[in-house]
Amino acid sequence: MKYFTKEGLQPSDRTLQFIKQFAYSYRVVNPNDGSPVVLSLN
């Protein structure tokens, strides 16, 4: 039986870099009509 530990759940550095880059470039803008618009900045 395999046991799941905190050590086994650590993402790789490459995965963390991808998540950070995505979070930095992802924005949601709410114009006056109330419908959200998703933007990805480069």
Protein backbone atom coordinates (compact mmCIF):
# COMPACT_ATOMS: atom_id res chain seq x y z
CA MET A 1 0.00 0.00 0.00
CA LYS A 2 1.34 3.43 -0.91
CA TYR A 3 1.24 6.15 1.72
CA PHE A 4 0.93 9.80 0.68
CA THR A 5 3.13 12.18 2.61
CA LYS A 6 3.83 15.89 2.37
CA GLU A 7 7.23 15.10 0.87
CA GLY A 8 5.55 13.27 -2.01
CA LEU A 9 3.36 16.26 -2.87
CA GLN A 10 6.16 18.74 -3.60
CA PRO A 11 5.88 20.12 -7.17
CA SER A 12 9.00 20.46 -9.26
CA ASP A 13 10.74 23.81 -9.75
CA ARG A 14 9.60 23.86 -13.37
CA THR A 15 5.96 23.44 -12.32
CA LEU A 16 6.29 26.25 -9.77
CA GLN A 17 7.81 28.57 -12.39
CA PHE A 18 4.92 27.81 -14.76
CA ILE A 19 2.32 28.54 -12.06
CA LYS A 20 4.05 31.80 -11.10
CA GLN A 21 4.28 32.96 -14.72
CA PHE A 22 0.64 32.11 -15.37
CA ALA A 23 -0.52 33.88 -12.20
CA TYR A 24 1.53 36.97 -13.09
CA SER A 25 0.15 37.23 -16.63
CA TYR A 26 -3.50 36.26 -15.94
CA ARG A 27 -5.93 39.06 -15.19
CA VAL A 28 -9.71 39.38 -15.05
CA VAL A 29 -11.21 42.76 -15.90
CA ASN A 30 -14.79 43.68 -15.00
CA PRO A 31 -16.09 46.35 -17.39
CA ASN A 32 -19.13 48.49 -16.58
CA ASP A 33 -21.63 45.95 -17.94
CA GLY A 34 -20.55 43.42 -15.28
CA SER A 35 -19.38 40.61 -17.55
CA PRO A 36 -15.83 39.50 -16.68
CA VAL A 37 -13.21 39.56 -19.44
CA VAL A 38 -10.15 37.31 -19.10
CA LEU A 39 -6.85 38.74 -20.32
CA SER A 40 -3.44 37.12 -20.59
CA LEU A 41 -0.61 39.62 -20.63
CA ASN A 42 2.70 38.90 -22.32
